N, C-alpha and C. Protein backbone atom coordinates (compact mmCIF):
# COMPACT_ATOMS: atom_id res chain seq x y z
N MET A 1 79.94 93.81 102.19
CA MET A 1 80.63 92.79 101.33
C MET A 1 81.77 92.21 102.29
N GLN A 2 82.14 91.10 101.96
CA GLN A 2 82.78 90.28 103.20
C GLN A 2 83.77 89.59 102.21
N GLU A 3 85.40 89.93 102.35
CA GLU A 3 86.26 89.18 101.73
C GLU A 3 86.21 87.68 102.00
N ARG A 4 86.56 86.72 101.02
CA ARG A 4 86.07 85.61 100.72
C ARG A 4 87.34 84.89 101.59
N LEU A 5 88.80 85.35 101.05
CA LEU A 5 89.94 84.86 101.67
C LEU A 5 91.20 85.75 101.22
N ASN A 6 92.25 85.75 101.71
CA ASN A 6 93.43 86.30 101.37
C ASN A 6 94.03 85.52 100.52
N TYR A 7 94.14 85.91 99.28
CA TYR A 7 94.65 84.98 98.27
C TYR A 7 96.34 85.17 98.57
N VAL A 8 97.05 86.37 99.08
CA VAL A 8 98.14 86.52 98.98
C VAL A 8 99.05 85.76 100.04
N LYS A 9 98.00 85.35 100.92
CA LYS A 9 98.50 84.51 102.48
C LYS A 9 98.57 83.30 101.93
N THR A 10 97.21 82.89 101.28
CA THR A 10 96.86 81.80 101.12
C THR A 10 98.04 81.02 100.06
N GLU A 11 98.55 81.62 98.93
CA GLU A 11 99.19 81.37 97.89
C GLU A 11 100.36 82.05 97.69
N PRO A 12 101.31 82.57 98.81
CA PRO A 12 102.43 83.68 98.58
C PRO A 12 103.16 83.54 97.29
N LYS A 13 103.67 82.28 97.33
CA LYS A 13 104.79 81.82 96.11
C LYS A 13 103.91 82.16 94.57
N LEU A 14 103.08 81.88 94.46
CA LEU A 14 102.30 82.22 93.13
C LEU A 14 102.03 83.88 93.17
N LEU A 15 101.17 84.25 94.10
CA LEU A 15 100.84 85.82 94.09
C LEU A 15 102.49 86.34 93.87
N GLY A 16 103.16 85.99 94.57
CA GLY A 16 104.40 86.59 94.33
C GLY A 16 105.13 86.85 92.86
N ALA A 17 104.88 85.84 92.42
CA ALA A 17 105.30 85.79 90.93
C ALA A 17 104.70 86.54 90.39
N ILE A 18 103.29 86.96 90.66
CA ILE A 18 102.59 87.74 89.73
C ILE A 18 102.83 89.39 90.21
N PHE A 19 103.38 89.58 91.52
CA PHE A 19 103.85 90.89 91.86
C PHE A 19 105.27 91.31 91.13
N ASN A 20 106.04 90.39 91.07
CA ASN A 20 107.11 90.37 90.27
C ASN A 20 106.78 90.76 88.70
N LEU A 21 105.96 89.73 87.88
CA LEU A 21 105.41 90.42 86.72
C LEU A 21 105.05 92.11 86.68
N LYS A 22 104.47 92.21 87.83
CA LYS A 22 103.79 93.60 87.58
C LYS A 22 105.15 94.72 87.99
N LYS A 23 106.15 94.43 88.91
CA LYS A 23 107.12 95.05 88.74
C LYS A 23 107.94 95.31 87.62
N ALA A 24 107.73 94.34 86.99
CA ALA A 24 108.52 94.07 85.89
C ALA A 24 108.09 95.13 84.47
N VAL A 25 106.75 94.94 84.60
CA VAL A 25 105.86 95.98 83.66
C VAL A 25 106.16 97.09 84.19
N ASN A 26 106.10 97.39 85.35
CA ASN A 26 105.95 99.17 85.73
C ASN A 26 107.44 99.63 85.19
N GLU A 27 108.73 98.60 85.40
CA GLU A 27 109.76 99.00 85.02
C GLU A 27 110.29 99.22 83.56
N SER A 28 109.15 98.65 82.77
CA SER A 28 109.31 98.33 81.29
C SER A 28 109.80 99.61 80.55
N GLY A 29 109.61 100.74 80.83
CA GLY A 29 109.55 101.74 80.05
C GLY A 29 108.23 102.51 79.72
N LEU A 30 107.11 102.13 80.07
CA LEU A 30 105.92 102.49 79.67
C LEU A 30 105.83 103.64 80.21
N ASP A 31 104.79 104.49 80.03
CA ASP A 31 104.73 105.71 80.68
C ASP A 31 103.81 105.17 82.00
N GLN A 32 104.03 106.00 83.19
CA GLN A 32 103.18 105.50 84.46
C GLN A 32 101.79 106.03 84.08
N GLY A 33 101.45 107.25 83.49
CA GLY A 33 100.27 107.62 83.52
C GLY A 33 99.56 106.67 82.39
N LEU A 34 100.35 106.25 81.52
CA LEU A 34 99.37 105.06 80.63
C LEU A 34 98.95 103.94 81.37
N ILE A 35 100.16 103.56 82.03
CA ILE A 35 99.87 102.50 83.02
C ILE A 35 98.31 102.44 83.58
N HIS A 36 98.29 103.43 84.32
CA HIS A 36 97.35 103.93 85.23
C HIS A 36 95.74 103.94 84.61
N LEU A 37 96.03 104.74 83.10
CA LEU A 37 94.73 104.56 82.27
C LEU A 37 94.22 103.08 82.25
N VAL A 38 95.24 102.49 81.45
CA VAL A 38 95.05 101.03 81.03
C VAL A 38 94.42 100.23 82.42
N ASN A 39 95.05 100.24 83.46
CA ASN A 39 94.64 99.37 84.72
C ASN A 39 93.20 99.90 84.91
N LEU A 40 93.16 101.36 85.08
CA LEU A 40 91.63 101.58 85.32
C LEU A 40 90.84 101.46 84.52
N ARG A 41 90.85 101.49 83.02
CA ARG A 41 89.98 100.92 81.79
C ARG A 41 89.54 99.57 82.25
N ALA A 42 90.79 98.43 82.36
CA ALA A 42 90.38 97.54 82.25
C ALA A 42 89.43 96.77 83.31
N SER A 43 89.72 97.39 84.58
CA SER A 43 88.92 97.02 85.79
C SER A 43 87.67 97.65 85.90
N GLN A 44 87.80 98.66 85.02
CA GLN A 44 86.11 99.46 84.97
C GLN A 44 85.16 98.07 84.11
N ILE A 45 85.82 97.71 83.22
CA ILE A 45 85.22 96.65 82.18
C ILE A 45 85.00 95.91 83.12
N ASN A 46 85.81 95.16 84.02
CA ASN A 46 85.65 93.73 84.31
C ASN A 46 84.86 94.05 85.67
N GLY A 47 84.32 95.30 86.24
CA GLY A 47 83.63 95.72 87.15
C GLY A 47 84.36 95.39 88.73
N CYS A 48 85.88 95.46 88.75
CA CYS A 48 86.45 95.12 89.87
C CYS A 48 86.78 96.45 90.79
N SER A 49 85.71 96.26 91.79
CA SER A 49 85.82 97.73 92.59
C SER A 49 87.15 97.85 93.11
N TYR A 50 87.66 96.87 93.54
CA TYR A 50 88.87 96.88 94.53
C TYR A 50 90.12 97.55 93.64
N CYS A 51 90.10 97.11 92.12
CA CYS A 51 91.18 97.61 91.57
C CYS A 51 91.09 99.13 90.75
N VAL A 52 89.34 99.34 90.52
CA VAL A 52 89.06 100.60 90.11
C VAL A 52 89.54 101.69 91.25
N ASP A 53 89.32 101.39 92.60
CA ASP A 53 89.48 102.44 93.54
C ASP A 53 91.10 102.25 93.75
N MET A 54 91.99 101.44 93.73
CA MET A 54 93.29 101.61 93.72
C MET A 54 93.86 102.05 92.51
N HIS A 55 93.65 101.83 91.39
CA HIS A 55 94.07 102.45 90.33
C HIS A 55 93.55 103.93 90.09
N THR A 56 92.28 104.48 90.46
CA THR A 56 92.02 105.49 90.50
C THR A 56 92.95 106.55 91.62
N ARG A 57 93.39 106.03 92.80
CA ARG A 57 93.96 106.68 93.84
C ARG A 57 95.23 106.84 93.26
N GLU A 58 95.88 105.71 92.66
CA GLU A 58 97.50 105.91 92.28
C GLU A 58 97.27 106.85 91.20
N ALA A 59 96.60 106.82 90.33
CA ALA A 59 96.73 107.67 89.14
C ALA A 59 96.41 109.23 89.66
N ARG A 60 95.79 109.42 90.56
CA ARG A 60 95.63 110.71 91.30
C ARG A 60 96.84 111.19 92.47
N ARG A 61 97.28 110.16 92.78
CA ARG A 61 98.66 110.26 93.65
C ARG A 61 99.76 110.72 92.82
N ASP A 62 99.84 110.31 91.29
CA ASP A 62 101.00 110.58 90.68
C ASP A 62 100.72 111.34 89.55
N GLY A 63 99.62 112.31 90.06
CA GLY A 63 99.47 113.44 89.00
C GLY A 63 98.36 113.51 88.33
N GLU A 64 97.86 112.55 88.05
CA GLU A 64 96.80 112.68 86.79
C GLU A 64 95.36 113.29 87.28
N SER A 65 94.93 114.20 86.30
CA SER A 65 93.99 114.78 86.69
C SER A 65 92.46 114.19 87.09
N GLU A 66 91.78 114.80 87.92
CA GLU A 66 90.62 114.11 88.20
C GLU A 66 89.55 113.80 87.24
N GLN A 67 89.34 115.04 86.37
CA GLN A 67 88.52 115.02 85.44
C GLN A 67 89.11 113.80 84.51
N ARG A 68 90.35 113.56 83.85
CA ARG A 68 90.96 112.74 83.10
C ARG A 68 90.39 111.18 83.80
N VAL A 69 90.61 111.06 85.25
CA VAL A 69 90.27 109.96 85.68
C VAL A 69 88.76 109.21 85.24
N HIS A 70 88.07 110.70 85.91
CA HIS A 70 86.61 110.26 85.94
C HIS A 70 86.11 109.93 84.62
N LEU A 71 86.77 110.35 83.54
CA LEU A 71 86.23 110.33 81.79
C LEU A 71 86.88 109.24 81.52
N VAL A 72 87.76 108.34 82.49
CA VAL A 72 88.41 107.31 81.23
C VAL A 72 87.44 106.16 80.56
N SER A 73 86.25 105.97 81.43
CA SER A 73 85.09 105.11 80.86
C SER A 73 84.27 105.65 79.85
N ALA A 74 84.53 106.77 79.49
CA ALA A 74 83.76 107.38 78.41
C ALA A 74 84.90 108.17 77.32
N TRP A 75 86.18 107.75 77.05
CA TRP A 75 87.48 108.29 76.70
C TRP A 75 87.20 108.55 75.12
N ARG A 76 86.35 107.80 74.44
CA ARG A 76 86.14 108.11 72.87
C ARG A 76 85.33 109.25 72.92
N GLU A 77 84.87 109.82 73.44
CA GLU A 77 83.73 110.98 73.78
C GLU A 77 84.32 112.28 74.40
N SER A 78 85.67 112.11 74.56
CA SER A 78 86.34 113.21 75.38
C SER A 78 88.02 113.45 74.58
N PRO A 79 87.95 114.56 74.51
CA PRO A 79 88.80 115.08 73.97
C PRO A 79 90.49 115.40 74.92
N LEU A 80 90.50 114.78 76.15
CA LEU A 80 91.48 114.90 77.08
C LEU A 80 92.42 113.79 76.73
N TYR A 81 92.34 112.88 75.91
CA TYR A 81 93.22 111.71 75.65
C TYR A 81 93.73 111.70 74.28
N THR A 82 95.31 111.72 74.47
CA THR A 82 96.14 112.04 73.06
C THR A 82 96.12 110.73 72.44
N GLY A 83 96.41 110.80 71.15
CA GLY A 83 96.11 109.69 69.94
C GLY A 83 97.16 108.19 70.70
N ARG A 84 97.86 108.43 71.28
CA ARG A 84 98.66 107.33 71.80
C ARG A 84 97.77 106.72 73.02
N GLU A 85 97.00 107.33 73.78
CA GLU A 85 96.21 107.34 74.98
C GLU A 85 95.21 106.26 74.44
N ARG A 86 94.42 106.97 73.50
CA ARG A 86 93.36 106.39 72.95
C ARG A 86 93.53 105.04 72.09
N ALA A 87 94.74 104.91 71.45
CA ALA A 87 95.03 103.80 70.99
C ALA A 87 95.45 102.63 72.01
N ALA A 88 96.01 102.80 73.23
CA ALA A 88 96.08 101.87 74.15
C ALA A 88 95.01 101.61 75.19
N LEU A 89 93.62 102.56 74.75
CA LEU A 89 92.60 102.26 75.58
C LEU A 89 91.78 101.46 74.77
N ALA A 90 91.83 101.78 73.49
CA ALA A 90 91.19 100.48 72.25
C ALA A 90 91.82 99.39 72.45
N TRP A 91 93.15 99.27 72.39
CA TRP A 91 93.75 98.18 72.96
C TRP A 91 93.26 97.23 73.86
N THR A 92 93.17 97.92 74.98
CA THR A 92 93.02 97.41 76.37
C THR A 92 91.44 97.29 76.19
N GLU A 93 90.65 97.62 75.71
CA GLU A 93 89.09 97.09 75.55
C GLU A 93 88.94 96.19 74.77
N CYS A 94 89.80 95.84 73.69
CA CYS A 94 89.70 94.70 72.74
C CYS A 94 90.48 93.65 73.44
N LEU A 95 91.39 93.60 74.12
CA LEU A 95 92.04 92.53 74.86
C LEU A 95 91.05 92.06 76.08
N THR A 96 90.36 92.94 76.89
CA THR A 96 89.73 92.68 77.79
C THR A 96 88.48 92.01 77.51
N HIS A 97 88.01 92.07 76.24
CA HIS A 97 86.77 91.66 75.59
C HIS A 97 87.15 90.47 74.70
N ILE A 98 88.32 89.94 74.78
CA ILE A 98 88.99 89.05 73.64
C ILE A 98 87.94 87.82 73.00
N SER A 99 87.02 87.46 73.91
CA SER A 99 86.19 86.29 73.50
C SER A 99 85.05 87.03 72.58
N ASP A 100 84.81 88.26 72.55
CA ASP A 100 84.03 88.64 71.33
C ASP A 100 84.37 88.95 70.11
N GLY A 101 85.77 88.44 69.77
CA GLY A 101 86.34 88.17 68.45
C GLY A 101 87.76 88.68 68.20
N PRO A 102 88.23 88.66 67.02
CA PRO A 102 89.67 88.89 66.98
C PRO A 102 90.07 90.04 67.13
N VAL A 103 91.36 90.15 67.30
CA VAL A 103 92.13 91.79 67.29
C VAL A 103 92.23 91.94 65.81
N GLU A 104 91.38 93.18 65.44
CA GLU A 104 91.40 93.20 63.89
C GLU A 104 92.89 93.84 63.43
N ASP A 105 92.95 93.79 62.01
CA ASP A 105 94.19 94.27 61.55
C ASP A 105 94.06 95.82 61.51
N ALA A 106 92.82 96.50 61.45
CA ALA A 106 93.06 98.08 61.63
C ALA A 106 93.32 98.25 63.10
N LEU A 107 93.05 97.68 63.95
CA LEU A 107 93.53 98.21 65.30
C LEU A 107 94.76 97.80 65.61
N TYR A 108 95.54 96.77 65.03
CA TYR A 108 96.86 96.01 65.32
C TYR A 108 97.77 97.47 64.58
N ASN A 109 97.46 97.45 63.12
CA ASN A 109 98.32 98.55 62.71
C ASN A 109 98.12 100.20 63.09
N GLU A 110 96.79 100.47 64.04
CA GLU A 110 96.90 101.68 64.47
C GLU A 110 97.67 101.69 65.94
N MET A 111 98.20 100.43 66.32
CA MET A 111 98.46 100.37 67.69
C MET A 111 100.39 100.73 67.32
N LEU A 112 100.40 100.09 65.97
CA LEU A 112 101.88 100.63 65.40
C LEU A 112 101.98 101.69 65.14
N GLU A 113 101.09 102.46 64.74
CA GLU A 113 101.43 103.72 64.58
C GLU A 113 101.96 104.49 65.76
N HIS A 114 101.49 104.08 67.06
CA HIS A 114 101.70 104.93 68.12
C HIS A 114 102.94 104.18 69.08
N PHE A 115 102.91 102.97 68.92
CA PHE A 115 103.76 102.21 69.73
C PHE A 115 104.58 101.32 68.89
N SER A 116 106.25 101.10 69.51
CA SER A 116 106.94 100.26 68.98
C SER A 116 106.54 98.86 69.43
N GLU A 117 107.26 97.90 68.41
CA GLU A 117 106.72 96.45 68.60
C GLU A 117 106.87 96.05 70.34
N GLN A 118 108.25 96.56 70.56
CA GLN A 118 108.61 96.40 72.09
C GLN A 118 107.54 96.67 73.13
N GLU A 119 107.17 98.04 72.75
CA GLU A 119 105.99 98.64 73.52
C GLU A 119 104.93 97.91 73.49
N LEU A 120 104.49 97.57 72.23
CA LEU A 120 103.38 96.90 71.97
C LEU A 120 103.15 95.59 72.90
N VAL A 121 104.46 94.77 72.95
CA VAL A 121 104.30 93.45 73.81
C VAL A 121 104.02 94.06 75.27
N GLN A 122 104.89 95.11 75.66
CA GLN A 122 104.84 95.71 76.93
C GLN A 122 103.33 95.93 77.26
N LEU A 123 102.76 96.69 76.52
CA LEU A 123 101.14 97.03 76.72
C LEU A 123 100.43 95.82 76.86
N THR A 124 100.48 94.91 76.04
CA THR A 124 99.98 93.63 76.13
C THR A 124 100.09 92.80 77.29
N VAL A 125 101.14 92.60 78.19
CA VAL A 125 101.40 92.14 78.83
C VAL A 125 100.84 92.68 80.01
N LEU A 126 100.97 94.42 80.09
CA LEU A 126 100.27 95.02 81.03
C LEU A 126 98.45 94.80 81.11
N VAL A 127 97.97 94.60 79.85
CA VAL A 127 96.80 94.57 80.01
C VAL A 127 96.22 92.94 80.33
N GLY A 128 97.03 92.02 79.87
CA GLY A 128 96.86 90.51 80.48
C GLY A 128 97.27 90.30 82.13
N LEU A 129 97.76 91.28 82.46
CA LEU A 129 98.03 91.44 83.93
C LEU A 129 97.00 91.94 84.73
N ILE A 130 96.76 92.98 84.33
CA ILE A 130 95.22 93.73 85.04
C ILE A 130 94.21 92.78 85.08
N ASN A 131 94.12 92.13 83.65
CA ASN A 131 92.77 91.27 83.85
C ASN A 131 93.05 89.91 84.85
N VAL A 132 94.32 89.55 84.82
CA VAL A 132 94.79 88.62 85.87
C VAL A 132 94.31 89.46 87.51
N TRP A 133 94.50 90.11 87.46
CA TRP A 133 94.33 90.93 88.89
C TRP A 133 93.12 90.75 89.11
N ASN A 134 92.19 91.22 88.20
CA ASN A 134 91.04 91.23 88.20
C ASN A 134 90.07 90.00 88.63
N ARG A 135 90.49 89.06 87.79
CA ARG A 135 90.26 87.74 88.01
C ARG A 135 90.32 87.05 89.17
N ILE A 136 91.23 87.48 89.94
CA ILE A 136 91.60 87.04 91.41
C ILE A 136 90.87 88.06 92.08
N ALA A 137 90.77 89.21 92.06
CA ALA A 137 90.14 89.78 93.13
C ALA A 137 88.63 90.01 93.08
N ILE A 138 88.26 89.75 91.89
CA ILE A 138 86.58 89.85 91.76
C ILE A 138 86.17 88.32 92.49
N PRO A 139 86.58 87.12 92.50
CA PRO A 139 85.80 85.92 92.91
C PRO A 139 86.07 85.83 94.37
N PHE A 140 87.20 86.40 94.86
CA PHE A 140 87.36 86.25 96.36
C PHE A 140 87.00 87.45 96.90
N ARG A 141 86.48 88.51 96.37
CA ARG A 141 85.83 89.50 96.92
C ARG A 141 86.68 90.62 97.76
N SER A 142 87.82 91.00 96.90
CA SER A 142 88.72 91.80 97.62
C SER A 142 87.93 93.22 98.00
N VAL A 143 87.97 93.74 99.05
CA VAL A 143 87.31 95.00 99.19
C VAL A 143 88.30 95.95 99.59
N HIS A 144 87.86 97.04 98.68
CA HIS A 144 88.30 98.30 98.71
C HIS A 144 88.60 99.01 99.83
N PRO A 145 89.57 99.49 100.45
CA PRO A 145 89.21 100.53 101.50
C PRO A 145 88.08 101.52 101.49
N VAL A 146 87.20 101.80 102.88
CA VAL A 146 86.36 102.40 102.97
C VAL A 146 86.94 103.73 103.59
N ILE A 147 86.67 105.13 102.91
CA ILE A 147 87.21 106.32 103.55
C ILE A 147 85.87 106.68 104.15
N ALA A 148 86.40 107.48 105.43
CA ALA A 148 84.96 107.67 106.69
C ALA A 148 84.24 108.27 105.80
N ASP A 149 84.52 109.57 105.19
CA ASP A 149 83.45 110.56 104.22
C ASP A 149 82.72 109.63 103.41
N ASP A 150 83.30 108.45 102.70
CA ASP A 150 82.55 107.74 101.86
C ASP A 150 81.61 106.78 102.46
N ALA A 151 81.85 106.22 103.73
CA ALA A 151 81.30 105.59 104.62
C ALA A 151 79.92 106.16 105.32
N SER A 152 80.38 107.21 105.59
CA SER A 152 78.86 108.06 106.22
C SER A 152 78.22 108.27 104.83
N ALA A 153 78.37 108.74 103.55
CA ALA A 153 77.54 108.83 102.73
C ALA A 153 76.77 107.37 102.17
N ALA A 154 77.32 106.12 102.44
CA ALA A 154 76.44 105.13 102.29
C ALA A 154 75.78 104.63 103.11
N ALA A 155 75.69 105.05 104.42
CA ALA A 155 75.23 104.74 105.68
C ALA A 155 73.51 105.40 105.66
């Protein structure tokens, strides 16, 4: 796979604004582990290999267990996630699939059981932001780094 273009170099001002939003979200007070899970799950749904790779590596670097990282795609069937994480993952899936239908009252009310209104806005911006990144990385074919062991296995 060949990268189509380097969007950061092509439009640095616009991408800089997105990086600034990312920094603000990361500093908003949301737990970094939760941020990693949300970024990973949305990227899995969208099929963004660059972002799945990056967020998997970041989660592991910041102390997330390998098992929890591997099971994010099947979080409903795993006991490894807290009620708050489950709510955030359900919110992530709903907003990432927003064209499938409305955000139901039951999900919204569940969110308010686990998140303050301020946190819910922060989480919603996080979900929107990772979807923006996925929608930039996928069409321009951002290529994740290939580790030597992974490269030899693919050959």
